[in-house]
Amino acid sequence: MLENIALIKEVHELLGREKAEALANEYLQKIGLSHIGLYRLNQCSDVEIFYVMFIRALMSKATDVIITTPFSLISNLRDIEPIIATLKLLGSEKNIFILDSVINELHYKEKSCHIVK
């Protein structure tokens, strides 16, 4: 997964492979997932893949990160709080938006994320 994450910096900022992979590994370490660095996609769980996608978004130049329907991206996700807590560990300055359908509104009640209709 290091290669997958690092590719963003390699392609868009022409950062060398070793430096880009070191940065990717730093992000994975922050959330306790450095062990998946050498994994391939089929070896990762849904939540690990979600975090890899999120880290890739953090490494882009975009100022906003938009997460759509996390309850369909991560199978058996019952509570968004652990996901939000883990995302906070990454310490990003980017704006993070979660877009979901009204059907999942109950999943967000009394949670730390702000709901806008």
PDB file of N, CA and C in Angstrom:
ATOM      1  N   MET A   1       0.817  -1.191   0.000  1.00  0.00           N
ATOM      2  CA  MET A   1       0.000   0.000   0.000  1.00  0.00           C
ATOM      3  C   MET A   1       0.865   1.260   0.000  1.00  0.00           C
ATOM      4  N   LEU A   2       2.128   1.133   0.432  1.00  0.00           N
ATOM      5  CA  LEU A   2       3.011   2.298   0.403  1.00  0.00           C
ATOM      6  C   LEU A   2       3.129   2.863  -1.006  1.00  0.00           C
ATOM      7  N   GLU A   3       3.317   1.972  -1.971  1.00  0.00           N
ATOM      8  CA  GLU A   3       3.436   2.422  -3.359  1.00  0.00           C
ATOM      9  C   GLU A   3       2.172   3.145  -3.804  1.00  0.00           C
ATOM     10  N   ASN A   4       1.033   2.600  -3.425  1.00  0.00           N
ATOM     11  CA  ASN A   4      -0.255   3.168  -3.797  1.00  0.00           C
ATOM     12  C   ASN A   4      -0.405   4.578  -3.231  1.00  0.00           C
ATOM     13  N   ILE A   5      -0.061   4.749  -1.972  1.00  0.00           N
ATOM     14  CA  ILE A   5      -0.183   6.057  -1.327  1.00  0.00           C
ATOM     15  C   ILE A   5       0.860   7.025  -1.880  1.00  0.00           C
ATOM     16  N   ALA A   6       2.092   6.565  -1.994  1.00  0.00           N
ATOM     17  CA  ALA A   6       3.205   7.422  -2.414  1.00  0.00           C
ATOM     18  C   ALA A   6       3.043   7.943  -3.837  1.00  0.00           C
ATOM     19  N   LEU A   7       2.336   7.206  -4.649  1.00  0.00           N
ATOM     20  CA  LEU A   7       2.177   7.574  -6.052  1.00  0.00           C
ATOM     21  C   LEU A   7       1.640   8.996  -6.232  1.00  0.00           C
ATOM     22  N   ILE A   8       0.799   9.440  -5.321  1.00  0.00           N
ATOM     23  CA  ILE A   8       0.231  10.790  -5.403  1.00  0.00           C
ATOM     24  C   ILE A   8       1.346  11.834  -5.415  1.00  0.00           C
ATOM     25  N   LYS A   9       2.253  11.747  -4.463  1.00  0.00           N
ATOM     26  CA  LYS A   9       3.361  12.715  -4.385  1.00  0.00           C
ATOM     27  C   LYS A   9       4.361  12.525  -5.524  1.00  0.00           C
ATOM     28  N   GLU A  10       4.571  11.291  -5.928  1.00  0.00           N
ATOM     29  CA  GLU A  10       5.515  11.019  -7.011  1.00  0.00           C
ATOM     30  C   GLU A  10       5.044  11.645  -8.322  1.00  0.00           C
ATOM     31  N   VAL A  11       3.778  11.483  -8.630  1.00  0.00           N
ATOM     32  CA  VAL A  11       3.246  11.955  -9.909  1.00  0.00           C
ATOM     33  C   VAL A  11       2.964  13.453  -9.897  1.00  0.00           C
ATOM     34  N   HIS A  12       2.298  13.927  -8.852  1.00  0.00           N
ATOM     35  CA  HIS A  12       1.841  15.319  -8.853  1.00  0.00           C
ATOM     36  C   HIS A  12       2.882  16.324  -8.379  1.00  0.00           C
ATOM     37  N   GLU A  13       3.831  15.873  -7.575  1.00  0.00           N
ATOM     38  CA  GLU A  13       4.843  16.804  -7.063  1.00  0.00           C
ATOM     39  C   GLU A  13       6.260  16.377  -7.427  1.00  0.00           C
ATOM     40  N   LEU A  14       6.371  15.304  -8.210  1.00  0.00           N
ATOM     41  CA  LEU A  14       7.657  14.777  -8.659  1.00  0.00           C
ATOM     42  C   LEU A  14       8.607  14.473  -7.502  1.00  0.00           C
ATOM     43  N   LEU A  15       8.038  14.057  -6.394  1.00  0.00           N
ATOM     44  CA  LEU A  15       8.833  13.666  -5.234  1.00  0.00           C
ATOM     45  C   LEU A  15       9.430  12.288  -5.506  1.00  0.00           C
ATOM     46  N   GLY A  16      10.653  12.076  -5.094  1.00  0.00           N
ATOM     47  CA  GLY A  16      11.299  10.781  -5.297  1.00  0.00           C
ATOM     48  C   GLY A  16      10.556   9.665  -4.587  1.00  0.00           C
ATOM     49  N   ARG A  17      10.686   8.453  -5.120  1.00  0.00           N
ATOM     50  CA  ARG A  17       9.962   7.306  -4.580  1.00  0.00           C
ATOM     51  C   ARG A  17      10.260   7.078  -3.101  1.00  0.00           C
ATOM     52  N   GLU A  18      11.519   7.108  -2.724  1.00  0.00           N
ATOM     53  CA  GLU A  18      11.884   6.838  -1.328  1.00  0.00           C
ATOM     54  C   GLU A  18      11.280   7.865  -0.375  1.00  0.00           C
ATOM     55  N   LYS A  19      11.339   9.139  -0.746  1.00  0.00           N
ATOM     56  CA  LYS A  19      10.776  10.190   0.107  1.00  0.00           C
ATOM     57  C   LYS A  19       9.255  10.080   0.182  1.00  0.00           C
ATOM     58  N   ALA A  20       8.639   9.802  -0.954  1.00  0.00           N
ATOM     59  CA  ALA A  20       7.178   9.673  -0.988  1.00  0.00           C
ATOM     60  C   ALA A  20       6.724   8.478  -0.154  1.00  0.00           C
ATOM     61  N   GLU A  21       7.442   7.370  -0.251  1.00  0.00           N
ATOM     62  CA  GLU A  21       7.080   6.191   0.538  1.00  0.00           C
ATOM     63  C   GLU A  21       7.339   6.419   2.024  1.00  0.00           C
ATOM     64  N   ALA A  22       8.374   7.174   2.358  1.00  0.00           N
ATOM     65  CA  ALA A  22       8.642   7.497   3.765  1.00  0.00           C
ATOM     66  C   ALA A  22       7.498   8.337   4.335  1.00  0.00           C
ATOM     67  N   LEU A  23       7.024   9.292   3.551  1.00  0.00           N
ATOM     68  CA  LEU A  23       5.894  10.122   3.980  1.00  0.00           C
ATOM     69  C   LEU A  23       4.637   9.272   4.147  1.00  0.00           C
ATOM     70  N   ALA A  24       4.399   8.390   3.198  1.00  0.00           N
ATOM     71  CA  ALA A  24       3.245   7.489   3.278  1.00  0.00           C
ATOM     72  C   ALA A  24       3.342   6.624   4.531  1.00  0.00           C
ATOM     73  N   ASN A  25       4.525   6.134   4.816  1.00  0.00           N
ATOM     74  CA  ASN A  25       4.722   5.302   6.004  1.00  0.00           C
ATOM     75  C   ASN A  25       4.481   6.097   7.291  1.00  0.00           C
ATOM     76  N   GLU A  26       4.865   7.371   7.301  1.00  0.00           N
ATOM     77  CA  GLU A  26       4.602   8.224   8.470  1.00  0.00           C
ATOM     78  C   GLU A  26       3.103   8.309   8.746  1.00  0.00           C
ATOM     79  N   TYR A  27       2.331   8.514   7.691  1.00  0.00           N
ATOM     80  CA  TYR A  27       0.874   8.576   7.851  1.00  0.00           C
ATOM     81  C   TYR A  27       0.331   7.255   8.389  1.00  0.00           C
ATOM     82  N   LEU A  28       0.782   6.149   7.826  1.00  0.00           N
ATOM     83  CA  LEU A  28       0.310   4.842   8.292  1.00  0.00           C
ATOM     84  C   LEU A  28       0.696   4.604   9.748  1.00  0.00           C
ATOM     85  N   GLN A  29       1.887   5.022  10.138  1.00  0.00           N
ATOM     86  CA  GLN A  29       2.329   4.857  11.528  1.00  0.00           C
ATOM     87  C   GLN A  29       1.455   5.656  12.487  1.00  0.00           C
ATOM     88  N   LYS A  30       1.053   6.853  12.083  1.00  0.00           N
ATOM     89  CA  LYS A  30       0.223   7.697  12.951  1.00  0.00           C
ATOM     90  C   LYS A  30      -1.073   7.012  13.357  1.00  0.00           C
ATOM     91  N   ILE A  31      -1.575   6.144  12.488  1.00  0.00           N
ATOM     92  CA  ILE A  31      -2.848   5.477  12.788  1.00  0.00           C
ATOM     93  C   ILE A  31      -2.662   3.981  13.060  1.00  0.00           C
ATOM     94  N   GLY A  32      -1.419   3.589  13.302  1.00  0.00           N
ATOM     95  CA  GLY A  32      -1.142   2.207  13.679  1.00  0.00           C
ATOM     96  C   GLY A  32      -1.304   1.192  12.564  1.00  0.00           C
ATOM     97  N   LEU A  33      -1.101   1.620  11.322  1.00  0.00           N
ATOM     98  CA  LEU A  33      -1.279   0.702  10.193  1.00  0.00           C
ATOM     99  C   LEU A  33      -0.006   0.499   9.369  1.00  0.00           C
ATOM    100  N   SER A  34       1.140   0.749   9.959  1.00  0.00           N
ATOM    101  CA  SER A  34       2.376   0.595   9.184  1.00  0.00           C
ATOM    102  C   SER A  34       2.562  -0.841   8.691  1.00  0.00           C
ATOM    103  N   HIS A  35       1.934  -1.787   9.372  1.00  0.00           N
ATOM    104  CA  HIS A  35       2.057  -3.192   8.970  1.00  0.00           C
ATOM    105  C   HIS A  35       1.442  -3.478   7.595  1.00  0.00           C
ATOM    106  N   ILE A  36       0.578  -2.605   7.089  1.00  0.00           N
ATOM    107  CA  ILE A  36      -0.024  -2.858   5.773  1.00  0.00           C
ATOM    108  C   ILE A  36       0.796  -2.242   4.640  1.00  0.00           C
ATOM    109  N   GLY A  37       1.901  -1.625   4.972  1.00  0.00           N
ATOM    110  CA  GLY A  37       2.725  -0.957   3.970  1.00  0.00           C
ATOM    111  C   GLY A  37       3.082  -1.829   2.779  1.00  0.00           C
ATOM    112  N   LEU A  38       3.378  -3.078   3.016  1.00  0.00           N
ATOM    113  CA  LEU A  38       3.771  -3.979   1.931  1.00  0.00           C
ATOM    114  C   LEU A  38       2.619  -4.844   1.426  1.00  0.00           C
ATOM    115  N   TYR A  39       1.436  -4.647   1.976  1.00  0.00           N
ATOM    116  CA  TYR A  39       0.266  -5.413   1.539  1.00  0.00           C
ATOM    117  C   TYR A  39      -0.183  -4.960   0.156  1.00  0.00           C
ATOM    118  N   ARG A  40      -0.869  -5.845  -0.512  1.00  0.00           N
ATOM    119  CA  ARG A  40      -1.584  -5.535  -1.746  1.00  0.00           C
ATOM    120  C   ARG A  40      -3.050  -5.322  -1.379  1.00  0.00           C
ATOM    121  N   LEU A  41      -3.794  -4.750  -2.299  1.00  0.00           N
ATOM    122  CA  LEU A  41      -5.190  -4.403  -2.045  1.00  0.00           C
ATOM    123  C   LEU A  41      -6.001  -5.589  -1.526  1.00  0.00           C
ATOM    124  N   ASN A  42      -5.813  -6.750  -2.120  1.00  0.00           N
ATOM    125  CA  ASN A  42      -6.615  -7.918  -1.728  1.00  0.00           C
ATOM    126  C   ASN A  42      -6.253  -8.455  -0.343  1.00  0.00           C
ATOM    127  N   GLN A  43      -5.200  -7.937   0.266  1.00  0.00           N
ATOM    128  CA  GLN A  43      -4.800  -8.369   1.601  1.00  0.00           C
ATOM    129  C   GLN A  43      -5.326  -7.436   2.693  1.00  0.00           C
ATOM    130  N   CYS A  44      -5.971  -6.359   2.299  1.00  0.00           N
ATOM    131  CA  CYS A  44      -6.436  -5.347   3.250  1.00  0.00           C
ATOM    132  C   CYS A  44      -7.927  -5.478   3.526  1.00  0.00           C
ATOM    133  N   SER A  45      -8.309  -5.086   4.733  1.00  0.00           N
ATOM    134  CA  SER A  45      -9.728  -5.044   5.097  1.00  0.00           C
ATOM    135  C   SER A  45     -10.357  -3.783   4.512  1.00  0.00           C
ATOM    136  N   ASP A  46     -11.675  -3.715   4.567  1.00  0.00           N
ATOM    137  CA  ASP A  46     -12.389  -2.528   4.075  1.00  0.00           C
ATOM    138  C   ASP A  46     -11.930  -1.260   4.784  1.00  0.00           C
ATOM    139  N   VAL A  47     -11.756  -1.343   6.085  1.00  0.00           N
ATOM    140  CA  VAL A  47     -11.371  -0.150   6.839  1.00  0.00           C
ATOM    141  C   VAL A  47      -9.932   0.256   6.506  1.00  0.00           C
ATOM    142  N   GLU A  48      -9.054  -0.702   6.290  1.00  0.00           N
ATOM    143  CA  GLU A  48      -7.679  -0.375   5.896  1.00  0.00           C
ATOM    144  C   GLU A  48      -7.658   0.297   4.527  1.00  0.00           C
ATOM    145  N   ILE A  49      -8.465  -0.203   3.609  1.00  0.00           N
ATOM    146  CA  ILE A  49      -8.560   0.404   2.274  1.00  0.00           C
ATOM    147  C   ILE A  49      -9.112   1.826   2.391  1.00  0.00           C
ATOM    148  N   PHE A  50     -10.097   2.016   3.248  1.00  0.00           N
ATOM    149  CA  PHE A  50     -10.658   3.348   3.470  1.00  0.00           C
ATOM    150  C   PHE A  50      -9.571   4.313   3.933  1.00  0.00           C
ATOM    151  N   TYR A  51      -8.770   3.892   4.910  1.00  0.00           N
ATOM    152  CA  TYR A  51      -7.715   4.771   5.417  1.00  0.00           C
ATOM    153  C   TYR A  51      -6.653   5.051   4.358  1.00  0.00           C
ATOM    154  N   VAL A  52      -6.341   4.077   3.532  1.00  0.00           N
ATOM    155  CA  VAL A  52      -5.393   4.299   2.437  1.00  0.00           C
ATOM    156  C   VAL A  52      -5.953   5.347   1.477  1.00  0.00           C
ATOM    157  N   MET A  53      -7.217   5.234   1.137  1.00  0.00           N
ATOM    158  CA  MET A  53      -7.839   6.227   0.248  1.00  0.00           C
ATOM    159  C   MET A  53      -7.810   7.614   0.888  1.00  0.00           C
ATOM    160  N   PHE A  54      -8.065   7.658   2.185  1.00  0.00           N
ATOM    161  CA  PHE A  54      -8.067   8.942   2.885  1.00  0.00           C
ATOM    162  C   PHE A  54      -6.663   9.551   2.903  1.00  0.00           C
ATOM    163  N   ILE A  55      -5.660   8.746   3.185  1.00  0.00           N
ATOM    164  CA  ILE A  55      -4.283   9.252   3.199  1.00  0.00           C
ATOM    165  C   ILE A  55      -3.885   9.741   1.811  1.00  0.00           C
ATOM    166  N   ARG A  56      -4.287   9.019   0.783  1.00  0.00           N
ATOM    167  CA  ARG A  56      -4.012   9.484  -0.587  1.00  0.00           C
ATOM    168  C   ARG A  56      -4.636  10.863  -0.812  1.00  0.00           C
ATOM    169  N   ALA A  57      -5.843  11.052  -0.316  1.00  0.00           N
ATOM    170  CA  ALA A  57      -6.502  12.353  -0.461  1.00  0.00           C
ATOM    171  C   ALA A  57      -5.742  13.433   0.304  1.00  0.00           C
ATOM    172  N   LEU A  58      -5.226  13.092   1.477  1.00  0.00           N
ATOM    173  CA  LEU A  58      -4.446  14.063   2.245  1.00  0.00           C
ATOM    174  C   LEU A  58      -3.169  14.465   1.515  1.00  0.00           C
ATOM    175  N   MET A  59      -2.610  13.551   0.768  1.00  0.00           N
ATOM    176  CA  MET A  59      -1.353  13.818   0.073  1.00  0.00           C
ATOM    177  C   MET A  59      -1.551  14.618  -1.214  1.00  0.00           C
ATOM    178  N   SER A  60      -2.784  14.788  -1.620  1.00  0.00           N
ATOM    179  CA  SER A  60      -3.053  15.584  -2.819  1.00  0.00           C
ATOM    180  C   SER A  60      -2.984  17.068  -2.474  1.00  0.00           C
ATOM    181  N   LYS A  61      -2.993  17.895  -3.491  1.00  0.00           N
ATOM    182  CA  LYS A  61      -2.940  19.345  -3.283  1.00  0.00           C
ATOM    183  C   LYS A  61      -4.307  19.944  -2.960  1.00  0.00           C
ATOM    184  N   ALA A  62      -5.346  19.167  -3.094  1.00  0.00           N
ATOM    185  CA  ALA A  62      -6.701  19.659  -2.840  1.00  0.00           C
ATOM    186  C   ALA A  62      -6.836  20.121  -1.389  1.00  0.00           C
ATOM    187  N   THR A  63      -7.613  21.164  -1.182  1.00  0.00           N
ATOM    188  CA  THR A  63      -7.808  21.679   0.177  1.00  0.00           C
ATOM    189  C   THR A  63      -8.953  20.985   0.902  1.00  0.00           C
ATOM    190  N   ASP A  64      -9.804  20.312   0.151  1.00  0.00           N
ATOM    191  CA  ASP A  64     -10.952  19.622   0.734  1.00  0.00           C
ATOM    192  C   ASP A  64     -10.852  18.120   0.486  1.00  0.00           C
ATOM    193  N   VAL A  65     -11.284  17.365   1.477  1.00  0.00           N
ATOM    194  CA  VAL A  65     -11.399  15.913   1.335  1.00  0.00           C
ATOM    195  C   VAL A  65     -12.870  15.586   1.526  1.00  0.00           C
ATOM    196  N   ILE A  66     -13.444  14.938   0.540  1.00  0.00           N
ATOM    197  CA  ILE A  66     -14.865  14.601   0.599  1.00  0.00           C
ATOM    198  C   ILE A  66     -15.000  13.085   0.690  1.00  0.00           C
ATOM    199  N   ILE A  67     -15.634  12.644   1.751  1.00  0.00           N
ATOM    200  CA  ILE A  67     -15.883  11.221   1.963  1.00  0.00           C
ATOM    201  C   ILE A  67     -17.358  10.989   1.682  1.00  0.00           C
ATOM    202  N   THR A  68     -17.641  10.127   0.742  1.00  0.00           N
ATOM    203  CA  THR A  68     -19.044   9.857   0.417  1.00  0.00           C
ATOM    204  C   THR A  68     -19.452   8.485   0.941  1.00  0.00           C
ATOM    205  N   THR A  69     -20.570   8.452   1.564  1.00  0.00           N
ATOM    206  CA  THR A  69     -21.220   7.243   2.088  1.00  0.00           C
ATOM    207  C   THR A  69     -20.258   6.260   2.774  1.00  0.00           C
ATOM    208  N   PRO A  70     -19.652   6.672   3.883  1.00  0.00           N
ATOM    209  CA  PRO A  70     -18.712   5.768   4.559  1.00  0.00           C
ATOM    210  C   PRO A  70     -19.344   4.462   5.026  1.00  0.00           C
ATOM    211  N   PHE A  71     -20.642   4.476   5.295  1.00  0.00           N
ATOM    212  CA  PHE A  71     -21.292   3.248   5.757  1.00  0.00           C
ATOM    213  C   PHE A  71     -21.456   2.222   4.640  1.00  0.00           C
ATOM    214  N   SER A  72     -21.304   2.652   3.396  1.00  0.00           N
ATOM    215  CA  SER A  72     -21.305   1.676   2.306  1.00  0.00           C
ATOM    216  C   SER A  72     -19.876   1.320   1.891  1.00  0.00           C
ATOM    217  N   LEU A  73     -18.917   2.179   2.195  1.00  0.00           N
ATOM    218  CA  LEU A  73     -17.513   1.887   1.876  1.00  0.00           C
ATOM    219  C   LEU A  73     -16.909   0.862   2.830  1.00  0.00           C
ATOM    220  N   ILE A  74     -17.326   0.925   4.080  1.00  0.00           N
ATOM    221  CA  ILE A  74     -16.752   0.056   5.108  1.00  0.00           C
ATOM    222  C   ILE A  74     -17.844  -0.896   5.585  1.00  0.00           C
ATOM    223  N   SER A  75     -17.713  -2.152   5.222  1.00  0.00           N
ATOM    224  CA  SER A  75     -18.742  -3.116   5.611  1.00  0.00           C
ATOM    225  C   SER A  75     -18.767  -3.287   7.130  1.00  0.00           C
ATOM    226  N   ASN A  76     -19.944  -3.473   7.645  1.00  0.00           N
ATOM    227  CA  ASN A  76     -20.190  -3.674   9.081  1.00  0.00           C
ATOM    228  C   ASN A  76     -19.840  -2.465   9.947  1.00  0.00           C
ATOM    229  N   LEU A  77     -19.730  -1.292   9.358  1.00  0.00           N
ATOM    230  CA  LEU A  77     -19.483  -0.084  10.144  1.00  0.00           C
ATOM    231  C   LEU A  77     -20.765   0.281  10.878  1.00  0.00           C
ATOM    232  N   ARG A  78     -20.683   0.371  12.177  1.00  0.00           N
ATOM    233  CA  ARG A  78     -21.860   0.695  12.981  1.00  0.00           C
ATOM    234  C   ARG A  78     -21.774   2.087  13.595  1.00  0.00           C
ATOM    235  N   ASP A  79     -20.544   2.559  13.800  1.00  0.00           N
ATOM    236  CA  ASP A  79     -20.344   3.830  14.491  1.00  0.00           C
ATOM    237  C   ASP A  79     -19.262   4.625  13.768  1.00  0.00           C
ATOM    238  N   ILE A  80     -19.549   5.863  13.443  1.00  0.00           N
ATOM    239  CA  ILE A  80     -18.607   6.714  12.717  1.00  0.00           C
ATOM    240  C   ILE A  80     -17.520   7.279  13.635  1.00  0.00           C
ATOM    241  N   GLU A  81     -17.754   7.299  14.939  1.00  0.00           N
ATOM    242  CA  GLU A  81     -16.809   7.917  15.878  1.00  0.00           C
ATOM    243  C   GLU A  81     -15.392   7.344  15.807  1.00  0.00           C
ATOM    244  N   PRO A  82     -15.201   6.024  15.781  1.00  0.00           N
ATOM    245  CA  PRO A  82     -13.822   5.517  15.686  1.00  0.00           C
ATOM    246  C   PRO A  82     -13.123   5.963  14.395  1.00  0.00           C
ATOM    247  N   ILE A  83     -13.881   6.083  13.332  1.00  0.00           N
ATOM    248  CA  ILE A  83     -13.312   6.548  12.060  1.00  0.00           C
ATOM    249  C   ILE A  83     -12.878   8.004  12.201  1.00  0.00           C
ATOM    250  N   ILE A  84     -13.737   8.830  12.754  1.00  0.00           N
ATOM    251  CA  ILE A  84     -13.417  10.247  12.934  1.00  0.00           C
ATOM    252  C   ILE A  84     -12.215  10.406  13.864  1.00  0.00           C
ATOM    253  N   ALA A  85     -12.170   9.635  14.931  1.00  0.00           N
ATOM    254  CA  ALA A  85     -11.042   9.705  15.867  1.00  0.00           C
ATOM    255  C   ALA A  85      -9.730   9.337  15.174  1.00  0.00           C
ATOM    256  N   THR A  86      -9.767   8.325  14.339  1.00  0.00           N
ATOM    257  CA  THR A  86      -8.564   7.913  13.615  1.00  0.00           C
ATOM    258  C   THR A  86      -8.149   8.976  12.605  1.00  0.00           C
ATOM    259  N   LEU A  87      -9.109   9.560  11.919  1.00  0.00           N
ATOM    260  CA  LEU A  87      -8.792  10.610  10.950  1.00  0.00           C
ATOM    261  C   LEU A  87      -8.143  11.809  11.644  1.00  0.00           C
ATOM    262  N   LYS A  88      -8.581  12.100  12.856  1.00  0.00           N
ATOM    263  CA  LYS A  88      -7.994  13.211  13.620  1.00  0.00           C
ATOM    264  C   LYS A  88      -6.533  12.941  13.971  1.00  0.00           C
ATOM    265  N   LEU A  89      -6.174  11.680  14.153  1.00  0.00           N
ATOM    266  CA  LEU A  89      -4.781  11.332  14.459  1.00  0.00           C
ATOM    267  C   LEU A  89      -3.830  11.739  13.337  1.00  0.00           C
ATOM    268  N   LEU A  90      -4.358  11.834  12.135  1.00  0.00           N
ATOM    269  CA  LEU A  90      -3.525  12.207  10.994  1.00  0.00           C
ATOM    270  C   LEU A  90      -3.195  13.695  10.989  1.00  0.00           C
ATOM    271  N   GLY A  91      -3.920  14.482  11.770  1.00  0.00           N
ATOM    272  CA  GLY A  91      -3.595  15.887  11.967  1.00  0.00           C
ATOM    273  C   GLY A  91      -3.615  16.746  10.718  1.00  0.00           C
ATOM    274  N   SER A  92      -4.598  16.591   9.908  1.00  0.00           N
ATOM    275  CA  SER A  92      -4.671  17.348   8.659  1.00  0.00           C
ATOM    276  C   SER A  92      -5.279  18.734   8.861  1.00  0.00           C
ATOM    277  N   GLU A  93      -4.803  19.670   8.067  1.00  0.00           N
ATOM    278  CA  GLU A  93      -5.360  21.026   8.048  1.00  0.00           C
ATOM    279  C   GLU A  93      -6.472  21.149   6.999  1.00  0.00           C
ATOM    280  N   LYS A  94      -6.729  20.085   6.277  1.00  0.00           N
ATOM    281  CA  LYS A  94      -7.715  20.127   5.199  1.00  0.00           C
ATOM    282  C   LYS A  94      -9.138  20.113   5.751  1.00  0.00           C
ATOM    283  N   ASN A  95     -10.041  20.626   4.948  1.00  0.00           N
ATOM    284  CA  ASN A  95     -11.464  20.553   5.274  1.00  0.00           C
ATOM    285  C   ASN A  95     -11.945  19.152   4.927  1.00  0.00           C
ATOM    286  N   ILE A  96     -12.582  18.501   5.873  1.00  0.00           N
ATOM    287  CA  ILE A  96     -13.065  17.140   5.645  1.00  0.00           C
ATOM    288  C   ILE A  96     -14.583  17.152   5.704  1.00  0.00           C
ATOM    289  N   PHE A  97     -15.193  16.686   4.628  1.00  0.00           N
ATOM    290  CA  PHE A  97     -16.647  16.638   4.529  1.00  0.00           C
ATOM    291  C   PHE A  97     -17.087  15.190   4.362  1.00  0.00           C
ATOM    292  N   ILE A  98     -18.118  14.814   5.090  1.00  0.00           N
ATOM    293  CA  ILE A  98     -18.711  13.491   4.931  1.00  0.00           C
ATOM    294  C   ILE A  98     -20.088  13.691   4.322  1.00  0.00           C
ATOM    295  N   LEU A  99     -20.288  13.108   3.160  1.00  0.00           N
ATOM    296  CA  LEU A  99     -21.588  13.177   2.492  1.00  0.00           C
ATOM    297  C   LEU A  99     -22.246  11.810   2.586  1.00  0.00           C
ATOM    298  N   ASP A 100     -23.470  11.820   3.036  1.00  0.00           N
ATOM    299  CA  ASP A 100     -24.181  10.557   3.169  1.00  0.00           C
ATOM    300  C   ASP A 100     -25.653  10.790   2.870  1.00  0.00           C
ATOM    301  N   SER A 101     -26.387   9.726   2.736  1.00  0.00           N
ATOM    302  CA  SER A 101     -27.810   9.841   2.440  1.00  0.00           C
ATOM    303  C   SER A 101     -28.611   9.996   3.731  1.00  0.00           C
ATOM    304  N   VAL A 102     -29.812  10.487   3.585  1.00  0.00           N
ATOM    305  CA  VAL A 102     -30.700  10.692   4.730  1.00  0.00           C
ATOM    306  C   VAL A 102     -30.983   9.361   5.432  1.00  0.00           C
ATOM    307  N   ILE A 103     -30.939   8.286   4.701  1.00  0.00           N
ATOM    308  CA  ILE A 103     -31.190   6.958   5.276  1.00  0.00           C
ATOM    309  C   ILE A 103     -30.229   6.672   6.437  1.00  0.00           C
ATOM    310  N   ASN A 104     -29.010   7.180   6.338  1.00  0.00           N
ATOM    311  CA  ASN A 104     -28.002   6.930   7.373  1.00  0.00           C
ATOM    312  C   ASN A 104     -27.938   8.016   8.443  1.00  0.00           C
ATOM    313  N   GLU A 105     -28.885   8.915   8.449  1.00  0.00           N
ATOM    314  CA  GLU A 105     -28.872  10.036   9.384  1.00  0.00           C
ATOM    315  C   GLU A 105     -28.756   9.586  10.843  1.00  0.00           C
ATOM    316  N   LEU A 106     -29.399   8.513  11.205  1.00  0.00           N
ATOM    317  CA  LEU A 106     -29.348   8.034  12.589  1.00  0.00           C
ATOM    318  C   LEU A 106     -27.931   7.651  13.028  1.00  0.00           C
ATOM    319  N   HIS A 107     -27.102   7.255  12.080  1.00  0.00           N
ATOM    320  CA  HIS A 107     -25.715   6.905  12.406  1.00  0.00           C
ATOM    321  C   HIS A 107     -24.920   8.114  12.908  1.00  0.00           C
ATOM    322  N   TYR A 108     -25.394   9.311  12.591  1.00  0.00           N
ATOM    323  CA  TYR A 108     -24.657  10.526  12.930  1.00  0.00           C
ATOM    324  C   TYR A 108     -25.246  11.282  14.118  1.00  0.00           C
ATOM    325  N   LYS A 109     -26.382  10.846  14.613  1.00  0.00           N
ATOM    326  CA  LYS A 109     -27.016  11.525  15.749  1.00  0.00           C
ATOM    327  C   LYS A 109     -26.090  11.492  16.959  1.00  0.00           C
ATOM    328  N   GLU A 110     -25.966  12.639  17.612  1.00  0.00           N
ATOM    329  CA  GLU A 110     -25.153  12.790  18.821  1.00  0.00           C
ATOM    330  C   GLU A 110     -23.693  12.398  18.608  1.00  0.00           C
ATOM    331  N   LYS A 111     -23.185  12.612  17.407  1.00  0.00           N
ATOM    332  CA  LYS A 111     -21.785  12.328  17.087  1.00  0.00           C
ATOM    333  C   LYS A 111     -21.028  13.640  16.952  1.00  0.00           C
ATOM    334  N   SER A 112     -19.723  13.539  16.880  1.00  0.00           N
ATOM    335  CA  SER A 112     -18.893  14.741  16.850  1.00  0.00           C
ATOM    336  C   SER A 112     -18.899  15.459  15.506  1.00  0.00           C
ATOM    337  N   CYS A 113     -19.431  14.824  14.471  1.00  0.00           N
ATOM    338  CA  CYS A 113     -19.455  15.512  13.178  1.00  0.00           C
ATOM    339  C   CYS A 113     -20.732  16.342  13.056  1.00  0.00           C
ATOM    340  N   HIS A 114     -20.596  17.455  12.410  1.00  0.00           N
ATOM    341  CA  HIS A 114     -21.696  18.398  12.238  1.00  0.00           C
ATOM    342  C   HIS A 114     -22.577  17.945  11.078  1.00  0.00           C
ATOM    343  N   ILE A 115     -23.876  17.947  11.278  1.00  0.00           N
ATOM    344  CA  ILE A 115     -24.810  17.513  10.238  1.00  0.00           C
ATOM    345  C   ILE A 115     -25.451  18.736   9.593  1.00  0.00           C
ATOM    346  N   VAL A 116     -25.380  18.776   8.275  1.00  0.00           N
ATOM    347  CA  VAL A 116     -26.017  19.839   7.504  1.00  0.00           C
ATOM    348  C   VAL A 116     -26.954  19.173   6.519  1.00  0.00           C
ATOM    349  N   LYS A 117     -28.172  19.669   6.460  1.00  0.00           N
ATOM    350  CA  LYS A 117     -29.133  19.095   5.506  1.00  0.00           C
ATOM    351  C   LYS A 117     -29.267  19.998   4.317  1.00  0.00           C
TER     352      LYS A 117
END
